[in-house]
Amino acid sequence: MGKIEMRVEIDIELAAQAREAGVALSDAVEMGLRIALATAGRGGPLGVEAGHLRQLANPNAAEARARQWALDNAEAISLHNARVAERGLFGEDLRRW
């Protein structure tokens, strides 16, 4: 597979951090594009690794997604917490510590 040369604009601080960490920008851009293509049209990341990379790439968006997830799942979380308070944790009787 060949390569093309292109102009890409990125955040100055992000570029400086990459330089300090020894990250090759061309490799990072290519990886980011692969992740974007893998997740495009699917409503979210493919697998834990892609999701983790998306969170590292944009921590502010990750925090917003986490808040939205908590809101979307608030009822289930509340029901789970009530069940644990009432019945205890599954397998708790088998724990030795």
Protein backbone atom coordinates (compact mmCIF):
# COMPACT_ATOMS: atom_id res chain seq x y z
CA MET A 1 0.00 0.00 0.00
CA GLY A 2 1.40 3.38 -0.98
CA LYS A 3 1.40 6.56 1.02
CA ILE A 4 0.30 10.09 0.11
CA GLU A 5 1.58 13.37 1.46
CA MET A 6 -1.01 15.71 2.91
CA ARG A 7 -1.33 18.78 5.11
CA VAL A 8 -2.99 18.21 8.50
CA GLU A 9 -3.72 20.84 11.13
CA ILE A 10 -3.68 19.76 14.78
CA ASP A 11 -3.63 21.41 18.18
CA ILE A 12 -0.19 22.92 18.96
CA GLU A 13 -0.09 21.55 22.52
CA LEU A 14 -1.08 18.09 21.30
CA ALA A 15 1.73 18.13 18.73
CA ALA A 16 4.22 19.22 21.40
CA GLN A 17 3.11 16.41 23.73
CA ALA A 18 3.46 13.90 20.89
CA ARG A 19 6.94 15.18 20.07
CA GLU A 20 8.00 14.95 23.74
CA ALA A 21 6.64 11.41 23.99
CA GLY A 22 8.38 10.35 20.79
CA VAL A 23 5.11 9.64 18.96
CA ALA A 24 5.40 9.73 15.17
CA LEU A 25 2.59 12.00 14.00
CA SER A 26 2.18 10.18 10.68
CA ASP A 27 1.67 6.86 12.50
CA ALA A 28 -0.73 8.44 14.97
CA VAL A 29 -2.81 10.05 12.21
CA GLU A 30 -2.96 6.75 10.33
CA MET A 31 -4.06 4.90 13.48
CA GLY A 32 -6.69 7.56 14.19
CA LEU A 33 -8.09 7.22 10.68
CA ARG A 34 -8.24 3.43 11.04
CA ILE A 35 -10.20 3.80 14.29
CA ALA A 36 -12.51 6.39 12.74
CA LEU A 37 -13.21 4.10 9.78
CA ALA A 38 -13.78 1.09 12.03
CA THR A 39 -16.30 2.99 14.12
CA ALA A 40 -18.01 5.01 11.37
CA GLY A 41 -21.68 4.26 10.99
CA ARG A 42 -21.76 1.82 13.88
CA GLY A 43 -22.80 4.25 16.60
CA GLY A 44 -19.72 3.61 18.68
CA PRO A 45 -16.35 1.93 18.99
CA LEU A 46 -15.59 -1.64 18.01
CA GLY A 47 -14.28 -3.37 21.09
CA VAL A 48 -12.71 -2.10 24.26
CA GLU A 49 -9.40 -1.09 22.68
CA ALA A 50 -10.98 1.23 20.09
CA GLY A 51 -13.18 2.79 22.77
CA HIS A 52 -10.17 3.34 25.00
CA LEU A 53 -8.26 4.99 22.17
CA ARG A 54 -11.22 7.27 21.41
CA GLN A 55 -11.32 8.34 25.05
CA LEU A 56 -7.60 9.08 25.07
CA ALA A 57 -7.91 11.05 21.85
CA ASN A 58 -10.69 13.28 23.18
CA PRO A 59 -11.02 13.18 26.98
CA ASN A 60 -13.67 15.93 27.10
CA ALA A 61 -15.94 13.98 24.77
CA ALA A 62 -15.24 10.84 26.83
CA GLU A 63 -16.45 12.58 29.97
CA ALA A 64 -19.58 13.75 28.19
CA ARG A 65 -20.24 10.20 26.91
CA ALA A 66 -19.75 8.82 30.41
CA ARG A 67 -22.21 11.34 31.87
CA GLN A 68 -24.73 10.53 29.15
CA TRP A 69 -24.27 6.77 29.74
CA ALA A 70 -24.92 7.28 33.46
CA LEU A 71 -28.08 9.27 32.70
CA ASP A 72 -29.29 6.71 30.15
CA ASN A 73 -28.72 3.86 32.59
CA ALA A 74 -29.72 5.58 35.84
CA GLU A 75 -32.82 3.42 36.34
CA ALA A 76 -30.91 0.14 35.86
CA ILE A 77 -28.11 1.34 38.15
CA SER A 78 -30.64 2.29 40.83
CA LEU A 79 -32.40 -1.09 40.57
CA HIS A 80 -29.09 -2.92 40.75
CA ASN A 81 -27.97 -0.96 43.81
CA ALA A 82 -31.31 -1.66 45.53
CA ARG A 83 -31.01 -5.39 44.76
CA VAL A 84 -27.47 -5.50 46.16
CA ALA A 85 -28.59 -3.62 49.29
CA GLU A 86 -31.45 -6.09 49.77
CA ARG A 87 -29.78 -9.39 48.84
CA GLY A 88 -26.03 -8.72 48.95
CA LEU A 89 -23.53 -9.47 46.24
CA PHE A 90 -23.71 -12.62 44.15
CA GLY A 91 -21.21 -15.17 45.47
CA GLU A 92 -20.56 -13.17 48.64
CA ASP A 93 -21.07 -16.34 50.70
CA LEU A 94 -18.16 -17.99 48.84
CA ARG A 95 -15.61 -15.27 49.54
CA ARG A 96 -12.82 -16.12 51.94
CA TRP A 97 -11.55 -12.57 52.52
